[in-house]
Amino acid sequence: MRSEWQLQEAKGNFSQLIRLAAGGDAQVVTVHGKPTAVVVSAEQYVRLTRHKGKLSAALLQPDLGIEDLDLARSLDAGRNIEL
């Protein structure tokens, strides 16, 4: 399926562009060959812009267990420097 449109093509085929985006295929609109805008379905937009909430609220959830957290950290001590 088509996913990249020049601006003039996007204007002329707006209904098709919207139909493809609504079907779940993000559509890229270019101006002078450079990607300028992306048209996505309303569902994808909501998912991408959904408020994630505060870390403190997530940590206070009663069903959050230690196995749900990734507490791994790098053992790399960094670089050696001379002062």
PDB file of N, CA and C in Angstrom:
ATOM      1  N   MET A   1       0.822  -1.171   0.000  1.00  0.00           N
ATOM      2  CA  MET A   1       0.000   0.000   0.000  1.00  0.00           C
ATOM      3  C   MET A   1       0.880   1.254   0.000  1.00  0.00           C
ATOM      4  N   ARG A   2       0.337   2.297  -0.482  1.00  0.00           N
ATOM      5  CA  ARG A   2       1.044   3.563  -0.547  1.00  0.00           C
ATOM      6  C   ARG A   2       1.095   4.190   0.840  1.00  0.00           C
ATOM      7  N   SER A   3       2.253   4.752   1.211  1.00  0.00           N
ATOM      8  CA  SER A   3       2.343   5.388   2.521  1.00  0.00           C
ATOM      9  C   SER A   3       3.052   6.739   2.470  1.00  0.00           C
ATOM     10  N   GLU A   4       3.520   7.163   1.288  1.00  0.00           N
ATOM     11  CA  GLU A   4       4.185   8.459   1.175  1.00  0.00           C
ATOM     12  C   GLU A   4       3.555   9.257   0.042  1.00  0.00           C
ATOM     13  N   TRP A   5       3.228  10.508   0.310  1.00  0.00           N
ATOM     14  CA  TRP A   5       2.529  11.366  -0.637  1.00  0.00           C
ATOM     15  C   TRP A   5       3.239  12.703  -0.748  1.00  0.00           C
ATOM     16  N   GLN A   6       3.362  13.206  -1.965  1.00  0.00           N
ATOM     17  CA  GLN A   6       3.773  14.590  -2.143  1.00  0.00           C
ATOM     18  C   GLN A   6       2.571  15.440  -1.765  1.00  0.00           C
ATOM     19  N   LEU A   7       2.805  16.660  -1.317  1.00  0.00           N
ATOM     20  CA  LEU A   7       1.721  17.503  -0.838  1.00  0.00           C
ATOM     21  C   LEU A   7       0.601  17.668  -1.862  1.00  0.00           C
ATOM     22  N   GLN A   8       0.956  17.905  -3.119  1.00  0.00           N
ATOM     23  CA  GLN A   8      -0.069  18.084  -4.156  1.00  0.00           C
ATOM     24  C   GLN A   8      -0.896  16.817  -4.337  1.00  0.00           C
ATOM     25  N   GLU A   9      -0.247  15.649  -4.290  1.00  0.00           N
ATOM     26  CA  GLU A   9      -0.966  14.383  -4.398  1.00  0.00           C
ATOM     27  C   GLU A   9      -1.888  14.183  -3.198  1.00  0.00           C
ATOM     28  N   ALA A  10      -1.397  14.538  -2.019  1.00  0.00           N
ATOM     29  CA  ALA A  10      -2.195  14.387  -0.804  1.00  0.00           C
ATOM     30  C   ALA A  10      -3.458  15.247  -0.882  1.00  0.00           C
ATOM     31  N   LYS A  11      -3.312  16.459  -1.408  1.00  0.00           N
ATOM     32  CA  LYS A  11      -4.479  17.338  -1.560  1.00  0.00           C
ATOM     33  C   LYS A  11      -5.497  16.735  -2.529  1.00  0.00           C
ATOM     34  N   GLY A  12      -5.014  16.244  -3.641  1.00  0.00           N
ATOM     35  CA  GLY A  12      -5.900  15.704  -4.665  1.00  0.00           C
ATOM     36  C   GLY A  12      -6.542  14.380  -4.307  1.00  0.00           C
ATOM     37  N   ASN A  13      -5.909  13.629  -3.422  1.00  0.00           N
ATOM     38  CA  ASN A  13      -6.407  12.299  -3.042  1.00  0.00           C
ATOM     39  C   ASN A  13      -6.655  12.218  -1.538  1.00  0.00           C
ATOM     40  N   PHE A  14      -7.162  13.309  -0.980  1.00  0.00           N
ATOM     41  CA  PHE A  14      -7.309  13.392   0.469  1.00  0.00           C
ATOM     42  C   PHE A  14      -8.182  12.275   1.031  1.00  0.00           C
ATOM     43  N   SER A  15      -9.268  11.959   0.364  1.00  0.00           N
ATOM     44  CA  SER A  15     -10.167  10.906   0.851  1.00  0.00           C
ATOM     45  C   SER A  15      -9.448   9.568   0.939  1.00  0.00           C
ATOM     46  N   GLN A  16      -8.655   9.246  -0.072  1.00  0.00           N
ATOM     47  CA  GLN A  16      -7.914   7.984  -0.068  1.00  0.00           C
ATOM     48  C   GLN A  16      -6.854   7.995   1.038  1.00  0.00           C
ATOM     49  N   LEU A  17      -6.167   9.116   1.199  1.00  0.00           N
ATOM     50  CA  LEU A  17      -5.145   9.240   2.236  1.00  0.00           C
ATOM     51  C   LEU A  17      -5.766   9.006   3.612  1.00  0.00           C
ATOM     52  N   ILE A  18      -6.920   9.622   3.862  1.00  0.00           N
ATOM     53  CA  ILE A  18      -7.611   9.460   5.142  1.00  0.00           C
ATOM     54  C   ILE A  18      -8.072   8.021   5.333  1.00  0.00           C
ATOM     55  N   ARG A  19      -8.595   7.411   4.288  1.00  0.00           N
ATOM     56  CA  ARG A  19      -9.069   6.027   4.374  1.00  0.00           C
ATOM     57  C   ARG A  19      -7.912   5.092   4.749  1.00  0.00           C
ATOM     58  N   LEU A  20      -6.740   5.290   4.139  1.00  0.00           N
ATOM     59  CA  LEU A  20      -5.579   4.455   4.455  1.00  0.00           C
ATOM     60  C   LEU A  20      -5.104   4.680   5.887  1.00  0.00           C
ATOM     61  N   ALA A  21      -5.071   5.940   6.301  1.00  0.00           N
ATOM     62  CA  ALA A  21      -4.643   6.247   7.667  1.00  0.00           C
ATOM     63  C   ALA A  21      -5.614   5.655   8.683  1.00  0.00           C
ATOM     64  N   ALA A  22      -6.906   5.767   8.411  1.00  0.00           N
ATOM     65  CA  ALA A  22      -7.921   5.225   9.311  1.00  0.00           C
ATOM     66  C   ALA A  22      -7.822   3.704   9.409  1.00  0.00           C
ATOM     67  N   GLY A  23      -7.311   3.069   8.363  1.00  0.00           N
ATOM     68  CA  GLY A  23      -7.126   1.622   8.364  1.00  0.00           C
ATOM     69  C   GLY A  23      -5.904   1.173   9.129  1.00  0.00           C
ATOM     70  N   GLY A  24      -5.145   2.113   9.681  1.00  0.00           N
ATOM     71  CA  GLY A  24      -3.990   1.750  10.505  1.00  0.00           C
ATOM     72  C   GLY A  24      -2.653   1.945   9.832  1.00  0.00           C
ATOM     73  N   ASP A  25      -2.630   2.397   8.582  1.00  0.00           N
ATOM     74  CA  ASP A  25      -1.368   2.626   7.882  1.00  0.00           C
ATOM     75  C   ASP A  25      -1.037   4.113   7.924  1.00  0.00           C
ATOM     76  N   ALA A  26      -0.030   4.480   8.699  1.00  0.00           N
ATOM     77  CA  ALA A  26       0.380   5.880   8.794  1.00  0.00           C
ATOM     78  C   ALA A  26       0.794   6.379   7.407  1.00  0.00           C
ATOM     79  N   GLN A  27       0.394   7.605   7.080  1.00  0.00           N
ATOM     80  CA  GLN A  27       0.665   8.189   5.770  1.00  0.00           C
ATOM     81  C   GLN A  27       1.580   9.407   5.939  1.00  0.00           C
ATOM     82  N   VAL A  28       2.688   9.427   5.213  1.00  0.00           N
ATOM     83  CA  VAL A  28       3.667  10.504   5.298  1.00  0.00           C
ATOM     84  C   VAL A  28       3.425  11.470   4.145  1.00  0.00           C
ATOM     85  N   VAL A  29       3.369  12.765   4.469  1.00  0.00           N
ATOM     86  CA  VAL A  29       3.208  13.802   3.454  1.00  0.00           C
ATOM     87  C   VAL A  29       4.544  14.536   3.358  1.00  0.00           C
ATOM     88  N   THR A  30       5.060  14.669   2.123  1.00  0.00           N
ATOM     89  CA  THR A  30       6.347  15.318   1.920  1.00  0.00           C
ATOM     90  C   THR A  30       6.171  16.656   1.220  1.00  0.00           C
ATOM     91  N   VAL A  31       7.086  17.567   1.511  1.00  0.00           N
ATOM     92  CA  VAL A  31       7.156  18.855   0.832  1.00  0.00           C
ATOM     93  C   VAL A  31       8.596  18.998   0.341  1.00  0.00           C
ATOM     94  N   HIS A  32       8.752  19.164  -0.953  1.00  0.00           N
ATOM     95  CA  HIS A  32      10.072  19.238  -1.589  1.00  0.00           C
ATOM     96  C   HIS A  32      10.922  18.012  -1.248  1.00  0.00           C
ATOM     97  N   GLY A  33      10.270  16.851  -1.176  1.00  0.00           N
ATOM     98  CA  GLY A  33      10.975  15.595  -0.941  1.00  0.00           C
ATOM     99  C   GLY A  33      11.305  15.297   0.506  1.00  0.00           C
ATOM    100  N   LYS A  34      10.963  16.190   1.426  1.00  0.00           N
ATOM    101  CA  LYS A  34      11.275  15.977   2.849  1.00  0.00           C
ATOM    102  C   LYS A  34       9.994  15.642   3.607  1.00  0.00           C
ATOM    103  N   PRO A  35      10.037  14.605   4.449  1.00  0.00           N
ATOM    104  CA  PRO A  35       8.864  14.279   5.256  1.00  0.00           C
ATOM    105  C   PRO A  35       8.480  15.479   6.123  1.00  0.00           C
ATOM    106  N   THR A  36       7.204  15.883   6.045  1.00  0.00           N
ATOM    107  CA  THR A  36       6.752  17.087   6.741  1.00  0.00           C
ATOM    108  C   THR A  36       5.635  16.802   7.729  1.00  0.00           C
ATOM    109  N   ALA A  37       4.776  15.871   7.403  1.00  0.00           N
ATOM    110  CA  ALA A  37       3.653  15.549   8.284  1.00  0.00           C
ATOM    111  C   ALA A  37       3.325  14.070   8.162  1.00  0.00           C
ATOM    112  N   VAL A  38       2.693  13.555   9.206  1.00  0.00           N
ATOM    113  CA  VAL A  38       2.250  12.164   9.205  1.00  0.00           C
ATOM    114  C   VAL A  38       0.775  12.149   9.591  1.00  0.00           C
ATOM    115  N   VAL A  39      -0.024  11.459   8.807  1.00  0.00           N
ATOM    116  CA  VAL A  39      -1.450  11.317   9.093  1.00  0.00           C
ATOM    117  C   VAL A  39      -1.661   9.917   9.649  1.00  0.00           C
ATOM    118  N   VAL A  40      -2.216   9.857  10.856  1.00  0.00           N
ATOM    119  CA  VAL A  40      -2.481   8.574  11.506  1.00  0.00           C
ATOM    120  C   VAL A  40      -3.953   8.515  11.891  1.00  0.00           C
ATOM    121  N   SER A  41      -4.421   7.325  12.218  1.00  0.00           N
ATOM    122  CA  SER A  41      -5.815   7.170  12.638  1.00  0.00           C
ATOM    123  C   SER A  41      -6.016   7.849  13.986  1.00  0.00           C
ATOM    124  N   ALA A  42      -7.257   8.180  14.291  1.00  0.00           N
ATOM    125  CA  ALA A  42      -7.576   8.798  15.578  1.00  0.00           C
ATOM    126  C   ALA A  42      -7.179   7.867  16.721  1.00  0.00           C
ATOM    127  N   GLU A  43      -7.362   6.574  16.536  1.00  0.00           N
ATOM    128  CA  GLU A  43      -6.998   5.593  17.564  1.00  0.00           C
ATOM    129  C   GLU A  43      -5.495   5.629  17.839  1.00  0.00           C
ATOM    130  N   GLN A  44      -4.688   5.661  16.776  1.00  0.00           N
ATOM    131  CA  GLN A  44      -3.239   5.734  16.962  1.00  0.00           C
ATOM    132  C   GLN A  44      -2.839   7.042  17.630  1.00  0.00           C
ATOM    133  N   TYR A  45      -3.483   8.140  17.242  1.00  0.00           N
ATOM    134  CA  TYR A  45      -3.171   9.430  17.832  1.00  0.00           C
ATOM    135  C   TYR A  45      -3.439   9.425  19.335  1.00  0.00           C
ATOM    136  N   VAL A  46      -4.581   8.887  19.740  1.00  0.00           N
ATOM    137  CA  VAL A  46      -4.913   8.817  21.164  1.00  0.00           C
ATOM    138  C   VAL A  46      -3.882   7.976  21.903  1.00  0.00           C
ATOM    139  N   ARG A  47      -3.505   6.854  21.323  1.00  0.00           N
ATOM    140  CA  ARG A  47      -2.524   5.978  21.962  1.00  0.00           C
ATOM    141  C   ARG A  47      -1.175   6.677  22.104  1.00  0.00           C
ATOM    142  N   LEU A  48      -0.770   7.429  21.082  1.00  0.00           N
ATOM    143  CA  LEU A  48       0.529   8.100  21.105  1.00  0.00           C
ATOM    144  C   LEU A  48       0.565   9.307  22.034  1.00  0.00           C
ATOM    145  N   THR A  49      -0.573   9.948  22.256  1.00  0.00           N
ATOM    146  CA  THR A  49      -0.593  11.166  23.063  1.00  0.00           C
ATOM    147  C   THR A  49      -1.239  10.965  24.432  1.00  0.00           C
ATOM    148  N   ARG A  50      -1.569   9.754  24.758  1.00  0.00           N
ATOM    149  CA  ARG A  50      -2.215   9.458  26.037  1.00  0.00           C
ATOM    150  C   ARG A  50      -1.304   9.882  27.188  1.00  0.00           C
ATOM    151  N   HIS A  51      -1.918  10.499  28.205  1.00  0.00           N
ATOM    152  CA  HIS A  51      -1.176  10.914  29.389  1.00  0.00           C
ATOM    153  C   HIS A  51      -0.721   9.659  30.130  1.00  0.00           C
ATOM    154  N   LYS A  52       0.532   9.578  30.392  1.00  0.00           N
ATOM    155  CA  LYS A  52       1.091   8.377  30.999  1.00  0.00           C
ATOM    156  C   LYS A  52       0.896   8.331  32.510  1.00  0.00           C
ATOM    157  N   GLY A  53       0.740   9.451  33.162  1.00  0.00           N
ATOM    158  CA  GLY A  53       0.596   9.468  34.617  1.00  0.00           C
ATOM    159  C   GLY A  53       1.935   9.693  35.293  1.00  0.00           C
ATOM    160  N   LYS A  54       1.879   9.856  36.577  1.00  0.00           N
ATOM    161  CA  LYS A  54       3.086  10.123  37.358  1.00  0.00           C
ATOM    162  C   LYS A  54       3.707   8.814  37.829  1.00  0.00           C
ATOM    163  N   LEU A  55       5.015   8.814  37.976  1.00  0.00           N
ATOM    164  CA  LEU A  55       5.728   7.644  38.476  1.00  0.00           C
ATOM    165  C   LEU A  55       5.246   7.302  39.875  1.00  0.00           C
ATOM    166  N   SER A  56       5.037   8.312  40.717  1.00  0.00           N
ATOM    167  CA  SER A  56       4.603   8.054  42.092  1.00  0.00           C
ATOM    168  C   SER A  56       3.263   7.318  42.122  1.00  0.00           C
ATOM    169  N   ALA A  57       2.358   7.672  41.223  1.00  0.00           N
ATOM    170  CA  ALA A  57       1.061   6.992  41.176  1.00  0.00           C
ATOM    171  C   ALA A  57       1.233   5.541  40.753  1.00  0.00           C
ATOM    172  N   ALA A  58       2.121   5.298  39.812  1.00  0.00           N
ATOM    173  CA  ALA A  58       2.358   3.924  39.364  1.00  0.00           C
ATOM    174  C   ALA A  58       2.983   3.081  40.474  1.00  0.00           C
ATOM    175  N   LEU A  59       3.897   3.679  41.237  1.00  0.00           N
ATOM    176  CA  LEU A  59       4.567   2.932  42.310  1.00  0.00           C
ATOM    177  C   LEU A  59       3.633   2.629  43.479  1.00  0.00           C
ATOM    178  N   LEU A  60       2.564   3.407  43.619  1.00  0.00           N
ATOM    179  CA  LEU A  60       1.626   3.193  44.714  1.00  0.00           C
ATOM    180  C   LEU A  60       0.519   2.203  44.378  1.00  0.00           C
ATOM    181  N   GLN A  61       0.537   1.652  43.172  1.00  0.00           N
ATOM    182  CA  GLN A  61      -0.483   0.676  42.798  1.00  0.00           C
ATOM    183  C   GLN A  61      -0.296  -0.582  43.625  1.00  0.00           C
ATOM    184  N   PRO A  62      -1.369  -1.082  44.229  1.00  0.00           N
ATOM    185  CA  PRO A  62      -1.229  -2.261  45.093  1.00  0.00           C
ATOM    186  C   PRO A  62      -0.848  -3.536  44.337  1.00  0.00           C
ATOM    187  N   ASP A  63      -1.143  -3.607  43.045  1.00  0.00           N
ATOM    188  CA  ASP A  63      -0.841  -4.827  42.297  1.00  0.00           C
ATOM    189  C   ASP A  63       0.547  -4.792  41.668  1.00  0.00           C
ATOM    190  N   LEU A  64       1.337  -3.749  41.951  1.00  0.00           N
ATOM    191  CA  LEU A  64       2.683  -3.646  41.400  1.00  0.00           C
ATOM    192  C   LEU A  64       3.630  -4.450  42.270  1.00  0.00           C
ATOM    193  N   GLY A  65       4.278  -5.446  41.679  1.00  0.00           N
ATOM    194  CA  GLY A  65       5.228  -6.263  42.414  1.00  0.00           C
ATOM    195  C   GLY A  65       6.647  -5.959  41.986  1.00  0.00           C
ATOM    196  N   ILE A  66       7.597  -6.389  42.776  1.00  0.00           N
ATOM    197  CA  ILE A  66       9.009  -6.133  42.482  1.00  0.00           C
ATOM    198  C   ILE A  66       9.408  -6.770  41.153  1.00  0.00           C
ATOM    199  N   GLU A  67       8.742  -7.852  40.779  1.00  0.00           N
ATOM    200  CA  GLU A  67       9.064  -8.506  39.508  1.00  0.00           C
ATOM    201  C   GLU A  67       8.624  -7.661  38.305  1.00  0.00           C
ATOM    202  N   ASP A  68       7.775  -6.666  38.538  1.00  0.00           N
ATOM    203  CA  ASP A  68       7.332  -5.771  37.463  1.00  0.00           C
ATOM    204  C   ASP A  68       8.329  -4.647  37.184  1.00  0.00           C
ATOM    205  N   LEU A  69       9.294  -4.477  38.058  1.00  0.00           N
ATOM    206  CA  LEU A  69      10.258  -3.385  37.911  1.00  0.00           C
ATOM    207  C   LEU A  69      11.575  -3.898  37.353  1.00  0.00           C
ATOM    208  N   ASP A  70      12.192  -3.127  36.486  1.00  0.00           N
ATOM    209  CA  ASP A  70      13.515  -3.453  35.955  1.00  0.00           C
ATOM    210  C   ASP A  70      14.528  -2.619  36.729  1.00  0.00           C
ATOM    211  N   LEU A  71      15.192  -3.247  37.687  1.00  0.00           N
ATOM    212  CA  LEU A  71      16.130  -2.538  38.538  1.00  0.00           C
ATOM    213  C   LEU A  71      17.582  -2.798  38.146  1.00  0.00           C
ATOM    214  N   ALA A  72      17.792  -3.395  36.989  1.00  0.00           N
ATOM    215  CA  ALA A  72      19.150  -3.694  36.539  1.00  0.00           C
ATOM    216  C   ALA A  72      19.889  -2.394  36.238  1.00  0.00           C
ATOM    217  N   ARG A  73      21.169  -2.372  36.546  1.00  0.00           N
ATOM    218  CA  ARG A  73      21.977  -1.208  36.216  1.00  0.00           C
ATOM    219  C   ARG A  73      23.319  -1.662  35.676  1.00  0.00           C
ATOM    220  N   SER A  74      23.914  -0.812  34.912  1.00  0.00           N
ATOM    221  CA  SER A  74      25.184  -1.123  34.282  1.00  0.00           C
ATOM    222  C   SER A  74      26.289  -1.231  35.328  1.00  0.00           C
ATOM    223  N   LEU A  75      27.165  -2.202  35.156  1.00  0.00           N
ATOM    224  CA  LEU A  75      28.308  -2.353  36.052  1.00  0.00           C
ATOM    225  C   LEU A  75      29.516  -1.568  35.555  1.00  0.00           C
ATOM    226  N   ASP A  76      29.363  -0.873  34.452  1.00  0.00           N
ATOM    227  CA  ASP A  76      30.439  -0.062  33.887  1.00  0.00           C
ATOM    228  C   ASP A  76      30.783   1.060  34.858  1.00  0.00           C
ATOM    229  N   ALA A  77      32.048   1.138  35.241  1.00  0.00           N
ATOM    230  CA  ALA A  77      32.495   2.160  36.204  1.00  0.00           C
ATOM    231  C   ALA A  77      32.835   3.475  35.534  1.00  0.00           C
ATOM    232  N   GLY A  78      32.676   3.562  34.256  1.00  0.00           N
ATOM    233  CA  GLY A  78      32.994   4.805  33.558  1.00  0.00           C
ATOM    234  C   GLY A  78      34.411   4.797  33.019  1.00  0.00           C
ATOM    235  N   ARG A  79      34.942   5.958  32.755  1.00  0.00           N
ATOM    236  CA  ARG A  79      36.289   6.044  32.194  1.00  0.00           C
ATOM    237  C   ARG A  79      37.283   6.495  33.248  1.00  0.00           C
ATOM    238  N   ASN A  80      38.530   6.117  33.051  1.00  0.00           N
ATOM    239  CA  ASN A  80      39.607   6.528  33.955  1.00  0.00           C
ATOM    240  C   ASN A  80      40.089   7.912  33.533  1.00  0.00           C
ATOM    241  N   ILE A  81      40.259   8.782  34.508  1.00  0.00           N
ATOM    242  CA  ILE A  81      40.799  10.115  34.212  1.00  0.00           C
ATOM    243  C   ILE A  81      41.943  10.420  35.143  1.00  0.00           C
ATOM    244  N   GLU A  82      42.835  11.245  34.724  1.00  0.00           N
ATOM    245  CA  GLU A  82      43.937  11.680  35.575  1.00  0.00           C
ATOM    246  C   GLU A  82      43.733  13.136  35.911  1.00  0.00           C
ATOM    247  N   LEU A  83      43.906  13.450  37.173  1.00  0.00           N
ATOM    248  CA  LEU A  83      43.749  14.844  37.615  1.00  0.00           C
ATOM    249  C   LEU A  83      45.101  15.475  37.870  1.00  0.00           C
TER     250      LEU A  83
END
